[in-house]
């Protein structure tokens, strides 16, 4: 029987582009260090919501012959909430 539960994380790979509006938004949310809501719109119209912490440093990853990327990591504090589409 486990004595702890691992945190649920969602990792979002992104292209490095500091000119995009989401780049500064992610940096600001990370700097505040407060829980936020993550929303995922699914193909069939359903929506998933999570509540937790977002981590993003914005420094690009680099490798030969590939675009530079960054990673946003979301750590959920609770199970997701499903809102079914119409």
PDB file of N, CA and C in Angstrom:
ATOM      1  N   UNK A   1       0.846  -1.176   0.000  1.00  0.00           N
ATOM      2  CA  UNK A   1       0.000   0.000   0.000  1.00  0.00           C
ATOM      3  C   UNK A   1       0.891   1.237   0.000  1.00  0.00           C
ATOM      4  N   UNK A   2       0.682   2.141  -0.987  1.00  0.00           N
ATOM      5  CA  UNK A   2       1.519   3.340  -1.032  1.00  0.00           C
ATOM      6  C   UNK A   2       1.227   4.269   0.147  1.00  0.00           C
ATOM      7  N   UNK A   3       2.245   4.977   0.571  1.00  0.00           N
ATOM      8  CA  UNK A   3       2.080   5.926   1.679  1.00  0.00           C
ATOM      9  C   UNK A   3       1.997   7.363   1.188  1.00  0.00           C
ATOM     10  N   UNK A   4       2.081   7.554  -0.114  1.00  0.00           N
ATOM     11  CA  UNK A   4       1.954   8.892  -0.692  1.00  0.00           C
ATOM     12  C   UNK A   4       1.379   8.773  -2.090  1.00  0.00           C
ATOM     13  N   UNK A   5       0.972   9.893  -2.636  1.00  0.00           N
ATOM     14  CA  UNK A   5       0.433   9.925  -3.990  1.00  0.00           C
ATOM     15  C   UNK A   5       1.283  10.897  -4.809  1.00  0.00           C
ATOM     16  N   UNK A   6       1.761  10.444  -5.967  1.00  0.00           N
ATOM     17  CA  UNK A   6       2.552  11.323  -6.826  1.00  0.00           C
ATOM     18  C   UNK A   6       1.673  12.430  -7.396  1.00  0.00           C
ATOM     19  N   UNK A   7       2.284  13.591  -7.551  1.00  0.00           N
ATOM     20  CA  UNK A   7       1.566  14.720  -8.142  1.00  0.00           C
ATOM     21  C   UNK A   7       1.242  14.429  -9.603  1.00  0.00           C
ATOM     22  N   UNK A   8       0.064  14.871 -10.038  1.00  0.00           N
ATOM     23  CA  UNK A   8      -0.327  14.734 -11.442  1.00  0.00           C
ATOM     24  C   UNK A   8       0.230  15.938 -12.189  1.00  0.00           C
ATOM     25  N   UNK A   9       1.022  15.695 -13.231  1.00  0.00           N
ATOM     26  CA  UNK A   9       1.589  16.798 -14.001  1.00  0.00           C
ATOM     27  C   UNK A   9       1.189  16.690 -15.468  1.00  0.00           C
ATOM     28  N   UNK A  10       1.097  17.835 -16.095  1.00  0.00           N
ATOM     29  CA  UNK A  10       0.828  17.929 -17.519  1.00  0.00           C
ATOM     30  C   UNK A  10       1.979  18.742 -18.104  1.00  0.00           C
ATOM     31  N   UNK A  11       2.686  18.164 -19.064  1.00  0.00           N
ATOM     32  CA  UNK A  11       3.820  18.831 -19.680  1.00  0.00           C
ATOM     33  C   UNK A  11       3.432  19.284 -21.081  1.00  0.00           C
ATOM     34  N   UNK A  12       3.623  20.565 -21.354  1.00  0.00           N
ATOM     35  CA  UNK A  12       3.236  21.145 -22.638  1.00  0.00           C
ATOM     36  C   UNK A  12       4.476  21.630 -23.387  1.00  0.00           C
ATOM     37  N   UNK A  13       4.921  20.904 -24.420  1.00  0.00           N
ATOM     38  CA  UNK A  13       6.056  21.393 -25.214  1.00  0.00           C
ATOM     39  C   UNK A  13       5.598  22.535 -26.126  1.00  0.00           C
ATOM     40  N   UNK A  14       6.394  23.589 -26.185  1.00  0.00           N
ATOM     41  CA  UNK A  14       6.053  24.773 -26.975  1.00  0.00           C
ATOM     42  C   UNK A  14       7.259  25.218 -27.794  1.00  0.00           C
ATOM     43  N   UNK A  15       7.026  25.882 -28.911  1.00  0.00           N
ATOM     44  CA  UNK A  15       8.116  26.483 -29.663  1.00  0.00           C
ATOM     45  C   UNK A  15       8.567  27.744 -28.944  1.00  0.00           C
ATOM     46  N   UNK A  16       9.861  28.003 -28.983  1.00  0.00           N
ATOM     47  CA  UNK A  16      10.406  29.217 -28.361  1.00  0.00           C
ATOM     48  C   UNK A  16      10.089  30.408 -29.255  1.00  0.00           C
ATOM     49  N   UNK A  17       9.267  31.336 -28.755  1.00  0.00           N
ATOM     50  CA  UNK A  17       8.939  32.547 -29.495  1.00  0.00           C
ATOM     51  C   UNK A  17       8.521  33.633 -28.502  1.00  0.00           C
ATOM     52  N   UNK A  18       9.507  34.401 -27.998  1.00  0.00           N
ATOM     53  CA  UNK A  18       9.184  35.418 -26.990  1.00  0.00           C
ATOM     54  C   UNK A  18       8.313  36.557 -27.504  1.00  0.00           C
ATOM     55  N   UNK A  19       8.041  36.623 -28.808  1.00  0.00           N
ATOM     56  CA  UNK A  19       7.179  37.668 -29.359  1.00  0.00           C
ATOM     57  C   UNK A  19       5.701  37.307 -29.263  1.00  0.00           C
ATOM     58  N   UNK A  20       5.398  36.048 -28.996  1.00  0.00           N
ATOM     59  CA  UNK A  20       4.005  35.619 -28.880  1.00  0.00           C
ATOM     60  C   UNK A  20       3.425  36.079 -27.543  1.00  0.00           C
ATOM     61  N   UNK A  21       2.136  36.424 -27.496  1.00  0.00           N
ATOM     62  CA  UNK A  21       1.543  36.897 -26.242  1.00  0.00           C
ATOM     63  C   UNK A  21       1.545  35.845 -25.127  1.00  0.00           C
ATOM     64  N   UNK A  22       1.478  34.575 -25.481  1.00  0.00           N
ATOM     65  CA  UNK A  22       1.462  33.535 -24.442  1.00  0.00           C
ATOM     66  C   UNK A  22       2.795  33.443 -23.708  1.00  0.00           C
ATOM     67  N   UNK A  23       3.885  33.855 -24.358  1.00  0.00           N
ATOM     68  CA  UNK A  23       5.210  33.759 -23.723  1.00  0.00           C
ATOM     69  C   UNK A  23       5.258  34.635 -22.464  1.00  0.00           C
ATOM     70  N   UNK A  24       4.913  35.900 -22.584  1.00  0.00           N
ATOM     71  CA  UNK A  24       4.938  36.781 -21.402  1.00  0.00           C
ATOM     72  C   UNK A  24       3.858  36.397 -20.398  1.00  0.00           C
ATOM     73  N   UNK A  25       2.714  35.902 -20.890  1.00  0.00           N
ATOM     74  CA  UNK A  25       1.652  35.463 -19.972  1.00  0.00           C
ATOM     75  C   UNK A  25       2.134  34.299 -19.106  1.00  0.00           C
ATOM     76  N   UNK A  26       2.813  33.315 -19.723  1.00  0.00           N
ATOM     77  CA  UNK A  26       3.332  32.178 -18.958  1.00  0.00           C
ATOM     78  C   UNK A  26       4.404  32.627 -17.966  1.00  0.00           C
ATOM     79  N   UNK A  27       5.277  33.540 -18.387  1.00  0.00           N
ATOM     80  CA  UNK A  27       6.319  34.049 -17.486  1.00  0.00           C
ATOM     81  C   UNK A  27       5.688  34.751 -16.277  1.00  0.00           C
ATOM     82  N   UNK A  28       4.647  35.538 -16.508  1.00  0.00           N
ATOM     83  CA  UNK A  28       3.982  36.269 -15.426  1.00  0.00           C
ATOM     84  C   UNK A  28       3.282  35.327 -14.450  1.00  0.00           C
ATOM     85  N   UNK A  29       2.592  34.315 -14.977  1.00  0.00           N
ATOM     86  CA  UNK A  29       1.903  33.354 -14.113  1.00  0.00           C
ATOM     87  C   UNK A  29       2.923  32.598 -13.261  1.00  0.00           C
ATOM     88  N   UNK A  30       4.025  32.184 -13.878  1.00  0.00           N
ATOM     89  CA  UNK A  30       5.075  31.475 -13.141  1.00  0.00           C
ATOM     90  C   UNK A  30       5.665  32.358 -12.043  1.00  0.00           C
ATOM     91  N   UNK A  31       5.899  33.627 -12.347  1.00  0.00           N
ATOM     92  CA  UNK A  31       6.505  34.546 -11.369  1.00  0.00           C
ATOM     93  C   UNK A  31       5.602  34.782 -10.158  1.00  0.00           C
ATOM     94  N   UNK A  32       4.286  34.791 -10.373  1.00  0.00           N
ATOM     95  CA  UNK A  32       3.350  35.007  -9.257  1.00  0.00           C
ATOM     96  C   UNK A  32       3.345  33.829  -8.289  1.00  0.00           C
ATOM     97  N   UNK A  33       3.534  32.621  -8.796  1.00  0.00           N
ATOM     98  CA  UNK A  33       3.588  31.446  -7.934  1.00  0.00           C
ATOM     99  C   UNK A  33       2.272  31.085  -7.266  1.00  0.00           C
ATOM    100  N   UNK A  34       1.172  31.501  -7.857  1.00  0.00           N
ATOM    101  CA  UNK A  34      -0.151  31.203  -7.298  1.00  0.00           C
ATOM    102  C   UNK A  34      -0.854  30.158  -8.159  1.00  0.00           C
ATOM    103  N   UNK A  35      -1.768  29.379  -7.576  1.00  0.00           N
ATOM    104  CA  UNK A  35      -2.511  28.401  -8.374  1.00  0.00           C
ATOM    105  C   UNK A  35      -3.359  29.092  -9.448  1.00  0.00           C
ATOM    106  N   UNK A  36      -3.504  28.417 -10.576  1.00  0.00           N
ATOM    107  CA  UNK A  36      -4.296  28.918 -11.699  1.00  0.00           C
ATOM    108  C   UNK A  36      -5.170  27.789 -12.235  1.00  0.00           C
ATOM    109  N   UNK A  37      -6.041  28.130 -13.158  1.00  0.00           N
ATOM    110  CA  UNK A  37      -6.896  27.138 -13.803  1.00  0.00           C
ATOM    111  C   UNK A  37      -6.358  26.877 -15.207  1.00  0.00           C
ATOM    112  N   UNK A  38      -6.217  25.612 -15.545  1.00  0.00           N
ATOM    113  CA  UNK A  38      -5.821  25.193 -16.889  1.00  0.00           C
ATOM    114  C   UNK A  38      -7.052  24.601 -17.564  1.00  0.00           C
ATOM    115  N   UNK A  39      -7.336  25.071 -18.776  1.00  0.00           N
ATOM    116  CA  UNK A  39      -8.500  24.598 -19.532  1.00  0.00           C
ATOM    117  C   UNK A  39      -8.032  23.897 -20.799  1.00  0.00           C
ATOM    118  N   UNK A  40      -8.597  22.739 -21.086  1.00  0.00           N
ATOM    119  CA  UNK A  40      -8.305  22.018 -22.315  1.00  0.00           C
ATOM    120  C   UNK A  40      -9.612  21.783 -23.059  1.00  0.00           C
ATOM    121  N   UNK A  41      -9.733  22.367 -24.247  1.00  0.00           N
ATOM    122  CA  UNK A  41     -10.902  22.145 -25.095  1.00  0.00           C
ATOM    123  C   UNK A  41     -10.645  20.898 -25.922  1.00  0.00           C
ATOM    124  N   UNK A  42     -11.519  19.929 -25.811  1.00  0.00           N
ATOM    125  CA  UNK A  42     -11.364  18.665 -26.522  1.00  0.00           C
ATOM    126  C   UNK A  42     -12.104  18.706 -27.853  1.00  0.00           C
ATOM    127  N   UNK A  43     -11.719  17.835 -28.771  1.00  0.00           N
ATOM    128  CA  UNK A  43     -12.251  17.827 -30.129  1.00  0.00           C
ATOM    129  C   UNK A  43     -13.777  17.699 -30.156  1.00  0.00           C
ATOM    130  N   UNK A  44     -14.347  16.868 -29.324  1.00  0.00           N
ATOM    131  CA  UNK A  44     -15.796  16.637 -29.343  1.00  0.00           C
ATOM    132  C   UNK A  44     -16.613  17.722 -28.686  1.00  0.00           C
ATOM    133  N   UNK A  45     -15.975  18.787 -28.191  1.00  0.00           N
ATOM    134  CA  UNK A  45     -16.703  19.877 -27.545  1.00  0.00           C
ATOM    135  C   UNK A  45     -16.636  19.855 -26.033  1.00  0.00           C
ATOM    136  N   UNK A  46     -16.151  18.748 -25.454  1.00  0.00           N
ATOM    137  CA  UNK A  46     -15.988  18.690 -24.005  1.00  0.00           C
ATOM    138  C   UNK A  46     -14.826  19.589 -23.571  1.00  0.00           C
ATOM    139  N   UNK A  47     -14.852  20.006 -22.312  1.00  0.00           N
ATOM    140  CA  UNK A  47     -13.788  20.833 -21.760  1.00  0.00           C
ATOM    141  C   UNK A  47     -13.336  20.230 -20.430  1.00  0.00           C
ATOM    142  N   UNK A  48     -12.024  20.146 -20.247  1.00  0.00           N
ATOM    143  CA  UNK A  48     -11.441  19.701 -18.982  1.00  0.00           C
ATOM    144  C   UNK A  48     -10.815  20.897 -18.274  1.00  0.00           C
ATOM    145  N   UNK A  49     -11.009  20.955 -16.962  1.00  0.00           N
ATOM    146  CA  UNK A  49     -10.409  22.007 -16.142  1.00  0.00           C
ATOM    147  C   UNK A  49      -9.566  21.368 -15.039  1.00  0.00           C
ATOM    148  N   UNK A  50      -8.392  21.957 -14.794  1.00  0.00           N
ATOM    149  CA  UNK A  50      -7.537  21.565 -13.679  1.00  0.00           C
ATOM    150  C   UNK A  50      -7.200  22.811 -12.879  1.00  0.00           C
ATOM    151  N   UNK A  51      -6.913  22.634 -11.600  1.00  0.00           N
ATOM    152  CA  UNK A  51      -6.488  23.716 -10.720  1.00  0.00           C
ATOM    153  C   UNK A  51      -5.125  23.341 -10.169  1.00  0.00           C
ATOM    154  N   UNK A  52      -4.150  24.241 -10.311  1.00  0.00           N
ATOM    155  CA  UNK A  52      -2.820  23.919  -9.812  1.00  0.00           C
ATOM    156  C   UNK A  52      -1.797  24.979 -10.164  1.00  0.00           C
ATOM    157  N   UNK A  53      -0.529  24.568 -10.150  1.00  0.00           N
ATOM    158  CA  UNK A  53       0.586  25.489 -10.357  1.00  0.00           C
ATOM    159  C   UNK A  53       1.208  25.305 -11.737  1.00  0.00           C
ATOM    160  N   UNK A  54       1.539  26.427 -12.372  1.00  0.00           N
ATOM    161  CA  UNK A  54       2.221  26.412 -13.657  1.00  0.00           C
ATOM    162  C   UNK A  54       3.682  26.790 -13.454  1.00  0.00           C
ATOM    163  N   UNK A  55       4.562  26.049 -14.073  1.00  0.00           N
ATOM    164  CA  UNK A  55       5.988  26.337 -14.021  1.00  0.00           C
ATOM    165  C   UNK A  55       6.496  26.578 -15.439  1.00  0.00           C
ATOM    166  N   UNK A  56       7.182  27.716 -15.645  1.00  0.00           N
ATOM    167  CA  UNK A  56       7.697  28.061 -16.971  1.00  0.00           C
ATOM    168  C   UNK A  56       8.862  29.017 -16.818  1.00  0.00           C
ATOM    169  N   UNK A  57      10.023  28.655 -17.372  1.00  0.00           N
ATOM    170  CA  UNK A  57      11.148  29.586 -17.277  1.00  0.00           C
ATOM    171  C   UNK A  57      11.460  30.273 -18.599  1.00  0.00           C
ATOM    172  N   UNK A  58      10.985  29.780 -19.713  1.00  0.00           N
ATOM    173  CA  UNK A  58      11.137  30.459 -20.987  1.00  0.00           C
ATOM    174  C   UNK A  58      12.477  30.296 -21.673  1.00  0.00           C
ATOM    175  N   UNK A  59      13.455  29.703 -21.016  1.00  0.00           N
ATOM    176  CA  UNK A  59      14.749  29.490 -21.663  1.00  0.00           C
ATOM    177  C   UNK A  59      14.612  28.410 -22.730  1.00  0.00           C
ATOM    178  N   UNK A  60      15.143  28.667 -23.934  1.00  0.00           N
ATOM    179  CA  UNK A  60      14.964  27.690 -25.003  1.00  0.00           C
ATOM    180  C   UNK A  60      15.861  26.469 -24.852  1.00  0.00           C
ATOM    181  N   UNK A  61      15.347  25.342 -25.330  1.00  0.00           N
ATOM    182  CA  UNK A  61      16.166  24.145 -25.469  1.00  0.00           C
ATOM    183  C   UNK A  61      16.698  24.140 -26.894  1.00  0.00           C
ATOM    184  N   UNK A  62      17.900  23.650 -27.045  1.00  0.00           N
ATOM    185  CA  UNK A  62      18.518  23.672 -28.373  1.00  0.00           C
ATOM    186  C   UNK A  62      19.124  22.318 -28.702  1.00  0.00           C
ATOM    187  N   UNK A  63      18.954  21.920 -29.959  1.00  0.00           N
ATOM    188  CA  UNK A  63      19.566  20.707 -30.494  1.00  0.00           C
ATOM    189  C   UNK A  63      19.769  20.935 -31.986  1.00  0.00           C
ATOM    190  N   UNK A  64      20.733  20.258 -32.542  1.00  0.00           N
ATOM    191  CA  UNK A  64      21.040  20.429 -33.960  1.00  0.00           C
ATOM    192  C   UNK A  64      19.837  20.070 -34.835  1.00  0.00           C
ATOM    193  N   UNK A  65      19.578  20.909 -35.820  1.00  0.00           N
ATOM    194  CA  UNK A  65      18.555  20.672 -36.844  1.00  0.00           C
ATOM    195  C   UNK A  65      17.134  20.559 -36.304  1.00  0.00           C
ATOM    196  N   UNK A  66      16.863  21.190 -35.180  1.00  0.00           N
ATOM    197  CA  UNK A  66      15.506  21.199 -34.634  1.00  0.00           C
ATOM    198  C   UNK A  66      15.168  22.613 -34.173  1.00  0.00           C
ATOM    199  N   UNK A  67      13.892  22.986 -34.206  1.00  0.00           N
ATOM    200  CA  UNK A  67      13.508  24.315 -33.711  1.00  0.00           C
ATOM    201  C   UNK A  67      13.743  24.413 -32.201  1.00  0.00           C
ATOM    202  N   UNK A  68      14.018  25.621 -31.739  1.00  0.00           N
ATOM    203  CA  UNK A  68      14.171  25.824 -30.296  1.00  0.00           C
ATOM    204  C   UNK A  68      12.804  25.667 -29.633  1.00  0.00           C
ATOM    205  N   UNK A  69      12.814  25.104 -28.440  1.00  0.00           N
ATOM    206  CA  UNK A  69      11.565  24.874 -27.737  1.00  0.00           C
ATOM    207  C   UNK A  69      11.650  25.285 -26.284  1.00  0.00           C
ATOM    208  N   UNK A  70      10.501  25.353 -25.652  1.00  0.00           N
ATOM    209  CA  UNK A  70      10.390  25.570 -24.210  1.00  0.00           C
ATOM    210  C   UNK A  70       9.354  24.575 -23.688  1.00  0.00           C
ATOM    211  N   UNK A  71       9.261  24.488 -22.382  1.00  0.00           N
ATOM    212  CA  UNK A  71       8.294  23.569 -21.788  1.00  0.00           C
ATOM    213  C   UNK A  71       7.571  24.248 -20.633  1.00  0.00           C
ATOM    214  N   UNK A  72       6.255  24.167 -20.664  1.00  0.00           N
ATOM    215  CA  UNK A  72       5.433  24.591 -19.535  1.00  0.00           C
ATOM    216  C   UNK A  72       4.976  23.334 -18.815  1.00  0.00           C
ATOM    217  N   UNK A  73       5.080  23.331 -17.499  1.00  0.00           N
ATOM    218  CA  UNK A  73       4.652  22.177 -16.706  1.00  0.00           C
ATOM    219  C   UNK A  73       3.581  22.622 -15.728  1.00  0.00           C
ATOM    220  N   UNK A  74       2.473  21.907 -15.737  1.00  0.00           N
ATOM    221  CA  UNK A  74       1.346  22.208 -14.855  1.00  0.00           C
ATOM    222  C   UNK A  74       1.215  21.074 -13.856  1.00  0.00           C
ATOM    223  N   UNK A  75       1.201  21.411 -12.574  1.00  0.00           N
ATOM    224  CA  UNK A  75       1.032  20.421 -11.511  1.00  0.00           C
ATOM    225  C   UNK A  75      -0.352  20.608 -10.893  1.00  0.00           C
ATOM    226  N   UNK A  76      -1.207  19.616 -11.071  1.00  0.00           N
ATOM    227  CA  UNK A  76      -2.589  19.701 -10.596  1.00  0.00           C
ATOM    228  C   UNK A  76      -2.674  19.456  -9.098  1.00  0.00           C
ATOM    229  N   UNK A  77      -3.549  20.200  -8.444  1.00  0.00           N
ATOM    230  CA  UNK A  77      -3.788  20.034  -7.010  1.00  0.00           C
ATOM    231  C   UNK A  77      -4.971  19.114  -6.727  1.00  0.00           C
ATOM    232  N   UNK A  78      -5.738  18.808  -7.765  1.00  0.00           N
ATOM    233  CA  UNK A  78      -6.918  17.951  -7.603  1.00  0.00           C
ATOM    234  C   UNK A  78      -7.218  17.287  -8.943  1.00  0.00           C
ATOM    235  N   UNK A  79      -8.185  16.398  -8.944  1.00  0.00           N
ATOM    236  CA  UNK A  79      -8.606  15.752 -10.185  1.00  0.00           C
ATOM    237  C   UNK A  79      -9.228  16.785 -11.123  1.00  0.00           C
ATOM    238  N   UNK A  80      -9.222  16.469 -12.401  1.00  0.00           N
ATOM    239  CA  UNK A  80      -9.819  17.368 -13.394  1.00  0.00           C
ATOM    240  C   UNK A  80     -11.336  17.370 -13.256  1.00  0.00           C
ATOM    241  N   UNK A  81     -11.938  18.413 -13.811  1.00  0.00           N
ATOM    242  CA  UNK A  81     -13.393  18.537 -13.875  1.00  0.00           C
ATOM    243  C   UNK A  81     -13.769  18.520 -15.349  1.00  0.00           C
ATOM    244  N   UNK A  82     -14.656  17.622 -15.728  1.00  0.00           N
ATOM    245  CA  UNK A  82     -15.118  17.509 -17.101  1.00  0.00           C
ATOM    246  C   UNK A  82     -16.445  18.244 -17.260  1.00  0.00           C
ATOM    247  N   UNK A  83     -16.495  19.124 -18.256  1.00  0.00           N
ATOM    248  CA  UNK A  83     -17.739  19.785 -18.640  1.00  0.00           C
ATOM    249  C   UNK A  83     -18.064  19.301 -20.036  1.00  0.00           C
ATOM    250  N   UNK A  84     -19.148  18.555 -20.153  1.00  0.00           N
ATOM    251  CA  UNK A  84     -19.503  17.961 -21.437  1.00  0.00           C
ATOM    252  C   UNK A  84     -20.077  18.996 -22.378  1.00  0.00           C
ATOM    253  N   UNK A  85     -19.685  18.871 -23.661  1.00  0.00           N
ATOM    254  CA  UNK A  85     -20.187  19.781 -24.689  1.00  0.00           C
ATOM    255  C   UNK A  85     -21.655  19.550 -24.988  1.00  0.00           C
ATOM    256  N   UNK A  86     -22.245  20.485 -25.687  1.00  0.00           N
ATOM    257  CA  UNK A  86     -23.677  20.394 -25.984  1.00  0.00           C
ATOM    258  C   UNK A  86     -24.004  19.320 -26.978  1.00  0.00           C
TER     259      UNK A  86
END
